[in-house]
Amino acid sequence: MNKKQLLCLKRHKRVRQKVVGTSQRPRLSIYRSLKGLYAQIIDDTKSHTLLSVSTQQKDIRKLINFGGNTKAASILGEYFAKKAIEKGIKKVAFDRGCYQYHGRVKAFAEAARKAGLEF
């Protein structure tokens, strides 16, 4: 591991000490890569993923040209919130990982809130 990866791991551990997903309020985890954005809802008490969505999925690929920008993140946030509400999940704990609440992460979060998800 290089220094950048170690610092990211330290930040992620620090965030995870405060953010825990329960069955009433599962954890919404974000992963950001250069070409896409991945989000999943996790129940940490059961260690079970309840919902997983990414910009690489076929139905979302039809709506966007490139998955690594804020426009794609906001479209993914709306889609993710609709899927979560369909499954009966309305409240989540937001886990931004080692990323700043800025850019794609912020666009995703604001779009999900606007679509009805509470965090």
PDB file of N, CA and C in Angstrom:
ATOM      1  N   MET A   1       0.837  -1.194   0.000  1.00  0.00           N
ATOM      2  CA  MET A   1       0.000   0.000   0.000  1.00  0.00           C
ATOM      3  C   MET A   1       0.873   1.245   0.000  1.00  0.00           C
ATOM      4  N   ASN A   2       0.462   2.218  -0.778  1.00  0.00           N
ATOM      5  CA  ASN A   2       1.196   3.469  -0.753  1.00  0.00           C
ATOM      6  C   ASN A   2       0.613   4.421   0.303  1.00  0.00           C
ATOM      7  N   LYS A   3       1.223   5.575   0.451  1.00  0.00           N
ATOM      8  CA  LYS A   3       0.834   6.515   1.510  1.00  0.00           C
ATOM      9  C   LYS A   3      -0.602   7.014   1.327  1.00  0.00           C
ATOM     10  N   LYS A   4      -0.991   7.255   0.089  1.00  0.00           N
ATOM     11  CA  LYS A   4      -2.342   7.750  -0.196  1.00  0.00           C
ATOM     12  C   LYS A   4      -3.403   6.739   0.234  1.00  0.00           C
ATOM     13  N   GLN A   5      -3.176   5.474  -0.074  1.00  0.00           N
ATOM     14  CA  GLN A   5      -4.109   4.416   0.296  1.00  0.00           C
ATOM     15  C   GLN A   5      -4.199   4.246   1.810  1.00  0.00           C
ATOM     16  N   LEU A   6      -3.063   4.377   2.498  1.00  0.00           N
ATOM     17  CA  LEU A   6      -3.060   4.269   3.955  1.00  0.00           C
ATOM     18  C   LEU A   6      -3.852   5.402   4.597  1.00  0.00           C
ATOM     19  N   LEU A   7      -3.688   6.616   4.081  1.00  0.00           N
ATOM     20  CA  LEU A   7      -4.437   7.762   4.613  1.00  0.00           C
ATOM     21  C   LEU A   7      -5.934   7.593   4.370  1.00  0.00           C
ATOM     22  N   CYS A   8      -6.282   7.068   3.203  1.00  0.00           N
ATOM     23  CA  CYS A   8      -7.692   6.811   2.890  1.00  0.00           C
ATOM     24  C   CYS A   8      -8.266   5.766   3.845  1.00  0.00           C
ATOM     25  N   LEU A   9      -7.505   4.727   4.114  1.00  0.00           N
ATOM     26  CA  LEU A   9      -7.940   3.677   5.027  1.00  0.00           C
ATOM     27  C   LEU A   9      -8.139   4.218   6.442  1.00  0.00           C
ATOM     28  N   LYS A  10      -7.242   5.087   6.885  1.00  0.00           N
ATOM     29  CA  LYS A  10      -7.373   5.704   8.212  1.00  0.00           C
ATOM     30  C   LYS A  10      -8.633   6.555   8.302  1.00  0.00           C
ATOM     31  N   ARG A  11      -8.895   7.351   7.257  1.00  0.00           N
ATOM     32  CA  ARG A  11     -10.099   8.194   7.246  1.00  0.00           C
ATOM     33  C   ARG A  11     -11.352   7.336   7.258  1.00  0.00           C
ATOM     34  N   HIS A  12     -11.346   6.260   6.476  1.00  0.00           N
ATOM     35  CA  HIS A  12     -12.512   5.380   6.415  1.00  0.00           C
ATOM     36  C   HIS A  12     -12.771   4.719   7.771  1.00  0.00           C
ATOM     37  N   LYS A  13     -11.724   4.287   8.450  1.00  0.00           N
ATOM     38  CA  LYS A  13     -11.891   3.702   9.783  1.00  0.00           C
ATOM     39  C   LYS A  13     -12.465   4.717  10.765  1.00  0.00           C
ATOM     40  N   ARG A  14     -12.016   5.946  10.659  1.00  0.00           N
ATOM     41  CA  ARG A  14     -12.508   7.001  11.548  1.00  0.00           C
ATOM     42  C   ARG A  14     -13.998   7.255  11.329  1.00  0.00           C
ATOM     43  N   VAL A  15     -14.421   7.257  10.076  1.00  0.00           N
ATOM     44  CA  VAL A  15     -15.843   7.451   9.757  1.00  0.00           C
ATOM     45  C   VAL A  15     -16.657   6.257  10.234  1.00  0.00           C
ATOM     46  N   ARG A  16     -16.125   5.047  10.054  1.00  0.00           N
ATOM     47  CA  ARG A  16     -16.860   3.832  10.409  1.00  0.00           C
ATOM     48  C   ARG A  16     -17.023   3.647  11.912  1.00  0.00           C
ATOM     49  N   GLN A  17     -16.184   4.310  12.710  1.00  0.00           N
ATOM     50  CA  GLN A  17     -16.354   4.253  14.158  1.00  0.00           C
ATOM     51  C   GLN A  17     -17.633   4.950  14.576  1.00  0.00           C
ATOM     52  N   LYS A  18     -18.050   5.943  13.804  1.00  0.00           N
ATOM     53  CA  LYS A  18     -19.224   6.740  14.150  1.00  0.00           C
ATOM     54  C   LYS A  18     -20.490   6.276  13.436  1.00  0.00           C
ATOM     55  N   VAL A  19     -20.344   5.683  12.248  1.00  0.00           N
ATOM     56  CA  VAL A  19     -21.494   5.302  11.430  1.00  0.00           C
ATOM     57  C   VAL A  19     -21.682   3.790  11.479  1.00  0.00           C
ATOM     58  N   VAL A  20     -22.820   3.352  12.036  1.00  0.00           N
ATOM     59  CA  VAL A  20     -23.136   1.925  12.120  1.00  0.00           C
ATOM     60  C   VAL A  20     -24.543   1.706  11.585  1.00  0.00           C
ATOM     61  N   GLY A  21     -24.714   0.706  10.753  1.00  0.00           N
ATOM     62  CA  GLY A  21     -26.018   0.396  10.194  1.00  0.00           C
ATOM     63  C   GLY A  21     -26.755  -0.625  11.040  1.00  0.00           C
ATOM     64  N   THR A  22     -28.007  -0.318  11.369  1.00  0.00           N
ATOM     65  CA  THR A  22     -28.851  -1.252  12.112  1.00  0.00           C
ATOM     66  C   THR A  22     -29.995  -1.689  11.211  1.00  0.00           C
ATOM     67  N   SER A  23     -30.868  -2.553  11.711  1.00  0.00           N
ATOM     68  CA  SER A  23     -31.994  -2.983  10.897  1.00  0.00           C
ATOM     69  C   SER A  23     -33.012  -1.846  10.729  1.00  0.00           C
ATOM     70  N   GLN A  24     -33.128  -0.936  11.722  1.00  0.00           N
ATOM     71  CA  GLN A  24     -34.033   0.208  11.601  1.00  0.00           C
ATOM     72  C   GLN A  24     -33.434   1.306  10.718  1.00  0.00           C
ATOM     73  N   ARG A  25     -32.119   1.500  10.805  1.00  0.00           N
ATOM     74  CA  ARG A  25     -31.439   2.537  10.046  1.00  0.00           C
ATOM     75  C   ARG A  25     -30.157   1.951   9.441  1.00  0.00           C
ATOM     76  N   PRO A  26     -30.259   1.278   8.270  1.00  0.00           N
ATOM     77  CA  PRO A  26     -29.082   0.662   7.661  1.00  0.00           C
ATOM     78  C   PRO A  26     -28.092   1.712   7.139  1.00  0.00           C
ATOM     79  N   ARG A  27     -26.889   1.250   6.855  1.00  0.00           N
ATOM     80  CA  ARG A  27     -25.812   2.137   6.416  1.00  0.00           C
ATOM     81  C   ARG A  27     -25.785   2.228   4.893  1.00  0.00           C
ATOM     82  N   LEU A  28     -25.726   3.456   4.362  1.00  0.00           N
ATOM     83  CA  LEU A  28     -25.592   3.689   2.930  1.00  0.00           C
ATOM     84  C   LEU A  28     -24.118   3.969   2.667  1.00  0.00           C
ATOM     85  N   SER A  29     -23.446   3.047   2.004  1.00  0.00           N
ATOM     86  CA  SER A  29     -22.016   3.150   1.760  1.00  0.00           C
ATOM     87  C   SER A  29     -21.755   3.535   0.308  1.00  0.00           C
ATOM     88  N   ILE A  30     -20.778   4.415   0.110  1.00  0.00           N
ATOM     89  CA  ILE A  30     -20.422   4.920  -1.214  1.00  0.00           C
ATOM     90  C   ILE A  30     -19.006   4.475  -1.565  1.00  0.00           C
ATOM     91  N   TYR A  31     -18.803   4.064  -2.819  1.00  0.00           N
ATOM     92  CA  TYR A  31     -17.461   3.848  -3.342  1.00  0.00           C
ATOM     93  C   TYR A  31     -17.360   4.617  -4.652  1.00  0.00           C
ATOM     94  N   ARG A  32     -16.282   5.352  -4.798  1.00  0.00           N
ATOM     95  CA  ARG A  32     -16.088   6.204  -5.959  1.00  0.00           C
ATOM     96  C   ARG A  32     -14.852   5.739  -6.714  1.00  0.00           C
ATOM     97  N   SER A  33     -15.006   5.455  -7.999  1.00  0.00           N
ATOM     98  CA  SER A  33     -13.852   5.133  -8.836  1.00  0.00           C
ATOM     99  C   SER A  33     -13.757   6.188  -9.932  1.00  0.00           C
ATOM    100  N   LEU A  34     -12.771   6.074 -10.788  1.00  0.00           N
ATOM    101  CA  LEU A  34     -12.614   7.064 -11.844  1.00  0.00           C
ATOM    102  C   LEU A  34     -13.742   6.980 -12.877  1.00  0.00           C
ATOM    103  N   LYS A  35     -14.236   5.773 -13.125  1.00  0.00           N
ATOM    104  CA  LYS A  35     -15.244   5.594 -14.164  1.00  0.00           C
ATOM    105  C   LYS A  35     -16.655   5.429 -13.634  1.00  0.00           C
ATOM    106  N   GLY A  36     -16.845   5.385 -12.328  1.00  0.00           N
ATOM    107  CA  GLY A  36     -18.190   5.151 -11.829  1.00  0.00           C
ATOM    108  C   GLY A  36     -18.352   5.429 -10.356  1.00  0.00           C
ATOM    109  N   LEU A  37     -19.590   5.240  -9.919  1.00  0.00           N
ATOM    110  CA  LEU A  37     -19.958   5.428  -8.526  1.00  0.00           C
ATOM    111  C   LEU A  37     -20.786   4.215  -8.123  1.00  0.00           C
ATOM    112  N   TYR A  38     -20.520   3.687  -6.951  1.00  0.00           N
ATOM    113  CA  TYR A  38     -21.197   2.499  -6.457  1.00  0.00           C
ATOM    114  C   TYR A  38     -21.795   2.818  -5.095  1.00  0.00           C
ATOM    115  N   ALA A  39     -23.031   2.400  -4.865  1.00  0.00           N
ATOM    116  CA  ALA A  39     -23.685   2.650  -3.585  1.00  0.00           C
ATOM    117  C   ALA A  39     -24.400   1.383  -3.144  1.00  0.00           C
ATOM    118  N   GLN A  40     -24.383   1.146  -1.838  1.00  0.00           N
ATOM    119  CA  GLN A  40     -25.095  -0.010  -1.309  1.00  0.00           C
ATOM    120  C   GLN A  40     -25.614   0.290   0.083  1.00  0.00           C
ATOM    121  N   ILE A  41     -26.729  -0.358   0.418  1.00  0.00           N
ATOM    122  CA  ILE A  41     -27.314  -0.251   1.750  1.00  0.00           C
ATOM    123  C   ILE A  41     -27.001  -1.546   2.484  1.00  0.00           C
ATOM    124  N   ILE A  42     -26.401  -1.412   3.683  1.00  0.00           N
ATOM    125  CA  ILE A  42     -25.908  -2.563   4.430  1.00  0.00           C
ATOM    126  C   ILE A  42     -26.498  -2.570   5.836  1.00  0.00           C
ATOM    127  N   ASP A  43     -26.971  -3.744   6.266  1.00  0.00           N
ATOM    128  CA  ASP A  43     -27.382  -3.952   7.655  1.00  0.00           C
ATOM    129  C   ASP A  43     -26.195  -4.593   8.371  1.00  0.00           C
ATOM    130  N   ASP A  44     -25.504  -3.809   9.199  1.00  0.00           N
ATOM    131  CA  ASP A  44     -24.285  -4.297   9.847  1.00  0.00           C
ATOM    132  C   ASP A  44     -24.552  -5.326  10.939  1.00  0.00           C
ATOM    133  N   THR A  45     -25.748  -5.336  11.519  1.00  0.00           N
ATOM    134  CA  THR A  45     -26.032  -6.316  12.574  1.00  0.00           C
ATOM    135  C   THR A  45     -26.098  -7.729  11.995  1.00  0.00           C
ATOM    136  N   LYS A  46     -26.598  -7.853  10.756  1.00  0.00           N
ATOM    137  CA  LYS A  46     -26.687  -9.150  10.091  1.00  0.00           C
ATOM    138  C   LYS A  46     -25.572  -9.367   9.066  1.00  0.00           C
ATOM    139  N   SER A  47     -24.761  -8.326   8.820  1.00  0.00           N
ATOM    140  CA  SER A  47     -23.726  -8.348   7.776  1.00  0.00           C
ATOM    141  C   SER A  47     -24.331  -8.746   6.438  1.00  0.00           C
ATOM    142  N   HIS A  48     -25.377  -8.005   6.046  1.00  0.00           N
ATOM    143  CA  HIS A  48     -26.142  -8.339   4.854  1.00  0.00           C
ATOM    144  C   HIS A  48     -26.360  -7.081   4.010  1.00  0.00           C
ATOM    145  N   THR A  49     -26.104  -7.187   2.708  1.00  0.00           N
ATOM    146  CA  THR A  49     -26.355  -6.079   1.783  1.00  0.00           C
ATOM    147  C   THR A  49     -27.816  -6.133   1.343  1.00  0.00           C
ATOM    148  N   LEU A  50     -28.539  -5.044   1.571  1.00  0.00           N
ATOM    149  CA  LEU A  50     -29.961  -4.990   1.251  1.00  0.00           C
ATOM    150  C   LEU A  50     -30.221  -4.493  -0.168  1.00  0.00           C
ATOM    151  N   LEU A  51     -29.378  -3.574  -0.637  1.00  0.00           N
ATOM    152  CA  LEU A  51     -29.561  -2.987  -1.967  1.00  0.00           C
ATOM    153  C   LEU A  51     -28.218  -2.528  -2.494  1.00  0.00           C
ATOM    154  N   SER A  52     -27.967  -2.762  -3.758  1.00  0.00           N
ATOM    155  CA  SER A  52     -26.712  -2.346  -4.372  1.00  0.00           C
ATOM    156  C   SER A  52     -26.993  -1.800  -5.773  1.00  0.00           C
ATOM    157  N   VAL A  53     -26.432  -0.622  -6.064  1.00  0.00           N
ATOM    158  CA  VAL A  53     -26.636   0.028  -7.363  1.00  0.00           C
ATOM    159  C   VAL A  53     -25.321   0.686  -7.785  1.00  0.00           C
ATOM    160  N   SER A  54     -25.055   0.709  -9.099  1.00  0.00           N
ATOM    161  CA  SER A  54     -23.870   1.402  -9.599  1.00  0.00           C
ATOM    162  C   SER A  54     -24.159   2.039 -10.949  1.00  0.00           C
ATOM    163  N   THR A  55     -23.263   2.915 -11.362  1.00  0.00           N
ATOM    164  CA  THR A  55     -23.411   3.559 -12.663  1.00  0.00           C
ATOM    165  C   THR A  55     -23.054   2.606 -13.795  1.00  0.00           C
ATOM    166  N   GLN A  56     -22.550   1.429 -13.480  1.00  0.00           N
ATOM    167  CA  GLN A  56     -22.177   0.451 -14.495  1.00  0.00           C
ATOM    168  C   GLN A  56     -23.330  -0.472 -14.895  1.00  0.00           C
ATOM    169  N   GLN A  57     -24.478  -0.373 -14.210  1.00  0.00           N
ATOM    170  CA  GLN A  57     -25.617  -1.234 -14.531  1.00  0.00           C
ATOM    171  C   GLN A  57     -26.257  -0.790 -15.842  1.00  0.00           C
ATOM    172  N   LYS A  58     -26.838  -1.751 -16.558  1.00  0.00           N
ATOM    173  CA  LYS A  58     -27.372  -1.485 -17.891  1.00  0.00           C
ATOM    174  C   LYS A  58     -28.498  -0.453 -17.897  1.00  0.00           C
ATOM    175  N   ASP A  59     -29.428  -0.540 -16.942  1.00  0.00           N
ATOM    176  CA  ASP A  59     -30.557   0.392 -16.952  1.00  0.00           C
ATOM    177  C   ASP A  59     -30.127   1.824 -16.624  1.00  0.00           C
ATOM    178  N   ILE A  60     -29.055   2.001 -15.879  1.00  0.00           N
ATOM    179  CA  ILE A  60     -28.553   3.346 -15.585  1.00  0.00           C
ATOM    180  C   ILE A  60     -27.641   3.826 -16.712  1.00  0.00           C
ATOM    181  N   ARG A  61     -26.926   2.912 -17.345  1.00  0.00           N
ATOM    182  CA  ARG A  61     -26.057   3.256 -18.475  1.00  0.00           C
ATOM    183  C   ARG A  61     -26.842   3.906 -19.605  1.00  0.00           C
ATOM    184  N   LYS A  62     -28.133   3.539 -19.744  1.00  0.00           N
ATOM    185  CA  LYS A  62     -28.973   4.129 -20.781  1.00  0.00           C
ATOM    186  C   LYS A  62     -29.226   5.615 -20.518  1.00  0.00           C
ATOM    187  N   LEU A  63     -29.224   6.011 -19.238  1.00  0.00           N
ATOM    188  CA  LEU A  63     -29.532   7.383 -18.861  1.00  0.00           C
ATOM    189  C   LEU A  63     -28.319   8.310 -18.882  1.00  0.00           C
ATOM    190  N   ILE A  64     -27.115   7.750 -18.799  1.00  0.00           N
ATOM    191  CA  ILE A  64     -25.903   8.569 -18.713  1.00  0.00           C
ATOM    192  C   ILE A  64     -24.908   8.174 -19.793  1.00  0.00           C
ATOM    193  N   ASN A  65     -24.009   9.098 -20.126  1.00  0.00           N
ATOM    194  CA  ASN A  65     -22.952   8.802 -21.081  1.00  0.00           C
ATOM    195  C   ASN A  65     -21.697   8.301 -20.376  1.00  0.00           C
ATOM    196  N   PHE A  66     -21.350   8.961 -19.261  1.00  0.00           N
ATOM    197  CA  PHE A  66     -20.137   8.635 -18.524  1.00  0.00           C
ATOM    198  C   PHE A  66     -20.471   8.579 -17.042  1.00  0.00           C
ATOM    199  N   GLY A  67     -20.006   7.576 -16.352  1.00  0.00           N
ATOM    200  CA  GLY A  67     -20.376   7.360 -14.954  1.00  0.00           C
ATOM    201  C   GLY A  67     -19.539   8.093 -13.937  1.00  0.00           C
ATOM    202  N   GLY A  68     -18.493   8.809 -14.364  1.00  0.00           N
ATOM    203  CA  GLY A  68     -17.579   9.429 -13.417  1.00  0.00           C
ATOM    204  C   GLY A  68     -17.744  10.925 -13.262  1.00  0.00           C
ATOM    205  N   ASN A  69     -18.982  11.451 -13.369  1.00  0.00           N
ATOM    206  CA  ASN A  69     -19.180  12.882 -13.169  1.00  0.00           C
ATOM    207  C   ASN A  69     -20.370  13.149 -12.245  1.00  0.00           C
ATOM    208  N   THR A  70     -20.590  14.422 -11.898  1.00  0.00           N
ATOM    209  CA  THR A  70     -21.636  14.760 -10.936  1.00  0.00           C
ATOM    210  C   THR A  70     -23.030  14.557 -11.507  1.00  0.00           C
ATOM    211  N   LYS A  71     -23.191  14.704 -12.808  1.00  0.00           N
ATOM    212  CA  LYS A  71     -24.503  14.469 -13.430  1.00  0.00           C
ATOM    213  C   LYS A  71     -24.912  13.001 -13.258  1.00  0.00           C
ATOM    214  N   ALA A  72     -23.986  12.107 -13.501  1.00  0.00           N
ATOM    215  CA  ALA A  72     -24.255  10.677 -13.320  1.00  0.00           C
ATOM    216  C   ALA A  72     -24.521  10.355 -11.856  1.00  0.00           C
ATOM    217  N   ALA A  73     -23.810  11.027 -10.953  1.00  0.00           N
ATOM    218  CA  ALA A  73     -23.997  10.789  -9.521  1.00  0.00           C
ATOM    219  C   ALA A  73     -25.391  11.222  -9.072  1.00  0.00           C
ATOM    220  N   SER A  74     -25.884  12.337  -9.588  1.00  0.00           N
ATOM    221  CA  SER A  74     -27.219  12.790  -9.194  1.00  0.00           C
ATOM    222  C   SER A  74     -28.303  11.878  -9.774  1.00  0.00           C
ATOM    223  N   ILE A  75     -28.123  11.390 -10.989  1.00  0.00           N
ATOM    224  CA  ILE A  75     -29.074  10.445 -11.578  1.00  0.00           C
ATOM    225  C   ILE A  75     -29.077   9.145 -10.779  1.00  0.00           C
ATOM    226  N   LEU A  76     -27.896   8.675 -10.393  1.00  0.00           N
ATOM    227  CA  LEU A  76     -27.784   7.463  -9.584  1.00  0.00           C
ATOM    228  C   LEU A  76     -28.437   7.659  -8.212  1.00  0.00           C
ATOM    229  N   GLY A  77     -28.291   8.847  -7.621  1.00  0.00           N
ATOM    230  CA  GLY A  77     -28.897   9.133  -6.317  1.00  0.00           C
ATOM    231  C   GLY A  77     -30.408   9.052  -6.358  1.00  0.00           C
ATOM    232  N   GLU A  78     -31.017   9.621  -7.393  1.00  0.00           N
ATOM    233  CA  GLU A  78     -32.477   9.559  -7.546  1.00  0.00           C
ATOM    234  C   GLU A  78     -32.935   8.112  -7.736  1.00  0.00           C
ATOM    235  N   TYR A  79     -32.244   7.379  -8.609  1.00  0.00           N
ATOM    236  CA  TYR A  79     -32.588   5.985  -8.892  1.00  0.00           C
ATOM    237  C   TYR A  79     -32.443   5.135  -7.633  1.00  0.00           C
ATOM    238  N   PHE A  80     -31.368   5.367  -6.894  1.00  0.00           N
ATOM    239  CA  PHE A  80     -31.089   4.615  -5.676  1.00  0.00           C
ATOM    240  C   PHE A  80     -32.172   4.855  -4.627  1.00  0.00           C
ATOM    241  N   ALA A  81     -32.575   6.100  -4.451  1.00  0.00           N
ATOM    242  CA  ALA A  81     -33.606   6.426  -3.465  1.00  0.00           C
ATOM    243  C   ALA A  81     -34.938   5.771  -3.826  1.00  0.00           C
ATOM    244  N   LYS A  82     -35.283   5.771  -5.107  1.00  0.00           N
ATOM    245  CA  LYS A  82     -36.530   5.125  -5.535  1.00  0.00           C
ATOM    246  C   LYS A  82     -36.502   3.626  -5.240  1.00  0.00           C
ATOM    247  N   LYS A  83     -35.366   2.988  -5.538  1.00  0.00           N
ATOM    248  CA  LYS A  83     -35.231   1.550  -5.278  1.00  0.00           C
ATOM    249  C   LYS A  83     -35.301   1.259  -3.775  1.00  0.00           C
ATOM    250  N   ALA A  84     -34.676   2.102  -2.963  1.00  0.00           N
ATOM    251  CA  ALA A  84     -34.680   1.899  -1.516  1.00  0.00           C
ATOM    252  C   ALA A  84     -36.083   2.053  -0.944  1.00  0.00           C
ATOM    253  N   ILE A  85     -36.820   3.050  -1.407  1.00  0.00           N
ATOM    254  CA  ILE A  85     -38.183   3.277  -0.924  1.00  0.00           C
ATOM    255  C   ILE A  85     -39.094   2.128  -1.351  1.00  0.00           C
ATOM    256  N   GLU A  86     -38.876   1.583  -2.552  1.00  0.00           N
ATOM    257  CA  GLU A  86     -39.632   0.408  -2.991  1.00  0.00           C
ATOM    258  C   GLU A  86     -39.404  -0.781  -2.057  1.00  0.00           C
ATOM    259  N   LYS A  87     -38.183  -0.904  -1.529  1.00  0.00           N
ATOM    260  CA  LYS A  87     -37.868  -2.003  -0.607  1.00  0.00           C
ATOM    261  C   LYS A  87     -38.292  -1.696   0.824  1.00  0.00           C
ATOM    262  N   GLY A  88     -38.823  -0.501   1.068  1.00  0.00           N
ATOM    263  CA  GLY A  88     -39.292  -0.141   2.405  1.00  0.00           C
ATOM    264  C   GLY A  88     -38.240   0.504   3.283  1.00  0.00           C
ATOM    265  N   ILE A  89     -37.157   0.979   2.685  1.00  0.00           N
ATOM    266  CA  ILE A  89     -36.085   1.641   3.439  1.00  0.00           C
ATOM    267  C   ILE A  89     -36.206   3.147   3.214  1.00  0.00           C
ATOM    268  N   LYS A  90     -36.484   3.891   4.286  1.00  0.00           N
ATOM    269  CA  LYS A  90     -36.624   5.342   4.167  1.00  0.00           C
ATOM    270  C   LYS A  90     -35.548   6.106   4.917  1.00  0.00           C
ATOM    271  N   LYS A  91     -35.017   5.518   6.005  1.00  0.00           N
ATOM    272  CA  LYS A  91     -33.983   6.177   6.795  1.00  0.00           C
ATOM    273  C   LYS A  91     -32.698   5.371   6.721  1.00  0.00           C
ATOM    274  N   VAL A  92     -31.592   6.068   6.447  1.00  0.00           N
ATOM    275  CA  VAL A  92     -30.287   5.423   6.379  1.00  0.00           C
ATOM    276  C   VAL A  92     -29.248   6.273   7.103  1.00  0.00           C
ATOM    277  N   ALA A  93     -28.119   5.653   7.431  1.00  0.00           N
ATOM    278  CA  ALA A  93     -26.955   6.360   7.962  1.00  0.00           C
ATOM    279  C   ALA A  93     -25.954   6.469   6.820  1.00  0.00           C
ATOM    280  N   PHE A  94     -25.543   7.672   6.481  1.00  0.00           N
ATOM    281  CA  PHE A  94     -24.703   7.913   5.308  1.00  0.00           C
ATOM    282  C   PHE A  94     -23.230   7.690   5.651  1.00  0.00           C
ATOM    283  N   ASP A  95     -22.594   6.756   4.940  1.00  0.00           N
ATOM    284  CA  ASP A  95     -21.172   6.447   5.108  1.00  0.00           C
ATOM    285  C   ASP A  95     -20.453   6.912   3.855  1.00  0.00           C
ATOM    286  N   ARG A  96     -19.747   8.029   3.950  1.00  0.00           N
ATOM    287  CA  ARG A  96     -19.057   8.590   2.789  1.00  0.00           C
ATOM    288  C   ARG A  96     -17.702   7.941   2.550  1.00  0.00           C
ATOM    289  N   GLY A  97     -17.324   7.012   3.415  1.00  0.00           N
ATOM    290  CA  GLY A  97     -16.039   6.335   3.269  1.00  0.00           C
ATOM    291  C   GLY A  97     -14.904   7.281   3.567  1.00  0.00           C
ATOM    292  N   CYS A  98     -13.861   7.262   2.743  1.00  0.00           N
ATOM    293  CA  CYS A  98     -12.729   8.155   2.950  1.00  0.00           C
ATOM    294  C   CYS A  98     -12.834   9.412   2.101  1.00  0.00           C
ATOM    295  N   TYR A  99     -13.975   9.597   1.450  1.00  0.00           N
ATOM    296  CA  TYR A  99     -14.142  10.717   0.528  1.00  0.00           C
ATOM    297  C   TYR A  99     -14.731  11.943   1.233  1.00  0.00           C
ATOM    298  N   GLN A 100     -14.335  13.121   0.772  1.00  0.00           N
ATOM    299  CA  GLN A 100     -14.913  14.355   1.286  1.00  0.00           C
ATOM    300  C   GLN A 100     -16.352  14.466   0.807  1.00  0.00           C
ATOM    301  N   TYR A 101     -17.174  15.170   1.590  1.00  0.00           N
ATOM    302  CA  TYR A 101     -18.552  15.432   1.172  1.00  0.00           C
ATOM    303  C   TYR A 101     -18.485  16.581   0.174  1.00  0.00           C
ATOM    304  N   HIS A 102     -18.166  16.222  -1.078  1.00  0.00           N
ATOM    305  CA  HIS A 102     -17.890  17.224  -2.094  1.00  0.00           C
ATOM    306  C   HIS A 102     -18.014  16.559  -3.454  1.00  0.00           C
ATOM    307  N   GLY A 103     -18.396  17.282  -4.469  1.00  0.00           N
ATOM    308  CA  GLY A 103     -18.423  16.761  -5.828  1.00  0.00           C
ATOM    309  C   GLY A 103     -19.445  15.669  -6.037  1.00  0.00           C
ATOM    310  N   ARG A 104     -18.989  14.497  -6.505  1.00  0.00           N
ATOM    311  CA  ARG A 104     -19.887  13.389  -6.828  1.00  0.00           C
ATOM    312  C   ARG A 104     -20.601  12.836  -5.610  1.00  0.00           C
ATOM    313  N   VAL A 105     -19.901  12.771  -4.473  1.00  0.00           N
ATOM    314  CA  VAL A 105     -20.511  12.249  -3.248  1.00  0.00           C
ATOM    315  C   VAL A 105     -21.638  13.179  -2.802  1.00  0.00           C
ATOM    316  N   LYS A 106     -21.406  14.473  -2.857  1.00  0.00           N
ATOM    317  CA  LYS A 106     -22.417  15.467  -2.476  1.00  0.00           C
ATOM    318  C   LYS A 106     -23.598  15.436  -3.442  1.00  0.00           C
ATOM    319  N   ALA A 107     -23.324  15.331  -4.747  1.00  0.00           N
ATOM    320  CA  ALA A 107     -24.394  15.283  -5.748  1.00  0.00           C
ATOM    321  C   ALA A 107     -25.281  14.051  -5.535  1.00  0.00           C
ATOM    322  N   PHE A 108     -24.661  12.918  -5.251  1.00  0.00           N
ATOM    323  CA  PHE A 108     -25.413  11.697  -4.979  1.00  0.00           C
ATOM    324  C   PHE A 108     -26.301  11.871  -3.752  1.00  0.00           C
ATOM    325  N   ALA A 109     -25.722  12.384  -2.668  1.00  0.00           N
ATOM    326  CA  ALA A 109     -26.448  12.532  -1.404  1.00  0.00           C
ATOM    327  C   ALA A 109     -27.616  13.499  -1.537  1.00  0.00           C
ATOM    328  N   GLU A 110     -27.407  14.620  -2.185  1.00  0.00           N
ATOM    329  CA  GLU A 110     -28.481  15.609  -2.332  1.00  0.00           C
ATOM    330  C   GLU A 110     -29.605  15.086  -3.211  1.00  0.00           C
ATOM    331  N   ALA A 111     -29.269  14.358  -4.278  1.00  0.00           N
ATOM    332  CA  ALA A 111     -30.293  13.780  -5.147  1.00  0.00           C
ATOM    333  C   ALA A 111     -31.099  12.710  -4.406  1.00  0.00           C
ATOM    334  N   ALA A 112     -30.433  11.915  -3.594  1.00  0.00           N
ATOM    335  CA  ALA A 112     -31.125  10.872  -2.824  1.00  0.00           C
ATOM    336  C   ALA A 112     -32.050  11.509  -1.788  1.00  0.00           C
ATOM    337  N   ARG A 113     -31.606  12.581  -1.152  1.00  0.00           N
ATOM    338  CA  ARG A 113     -32.464  13.289  -0.183  1.00  0.00           C
ATOM    339  C   ARG A 113     -33.672  13.890  -0.881  1.00  0.00           C
ATOM    340  N   LYS A 114     -33.446  14.474  -2.035  1.00  0.00           N
ATOM    341  CA  LYS A 114     -34.534  15.103  -2.779  1.00  0.00           C
ATOM    342  C   LYS A 114     -35.586  14.074  -3.213  1.00  0.00           C
ATOM    343  N   ALA A 115     -35.131  12.849  -3.497  1.00  0.00           N
ATOM    344  CA  ALA A 115     -36.030  11.783  -3.928  1.00  0.00           C
ATOM    345  C   ALA A 115     -36.768  11.101  -2.770  1.00  0.00           C
ATOM    346  N   GLY A 116     -36.435  11.479  -1.507  1.00  0.00           N
ATOM    347  CA  GLY A 116     -37.202  10.978  -0.381  1.00  0.00           C
ATOM    348  C   GLY A 116     -36.460  10.164   0.653  1.00  0.00           C
ATOM    349  N   LEU A 117     -35.172   9.943   0.477  1.00  0.00           N
ATOM    350  CA  LEU A 117     -34.386   9.188   1.455  1.00  0.00           C
ATOM    351  C   LEU A 117     -33.955  10.128   2.576  1.00  0.00           C
ATOM    352  N   GLU A 118     -34.041   9.667   3.822  1.00  0.00           N
ATOM    353  CA  GLU A 118     -33.688  10.501   4.980  1.00  0.00           C
ATOM    354  C   GLU A 118     -32.372  10.060   5.579  1.00  0.00           C
ATOM    355  N   PHE A 119     -31.432  11.024   5.673  1.00  0.00           N
ATOM    356  CA  PHE A 119     -30.166  10.800   6.396  1.00  0.00           C
ATOM    357  C   PHE A 119     -29.533  12.110   6.747  1.00  0.00           C
TER     358      PHE A 119
END
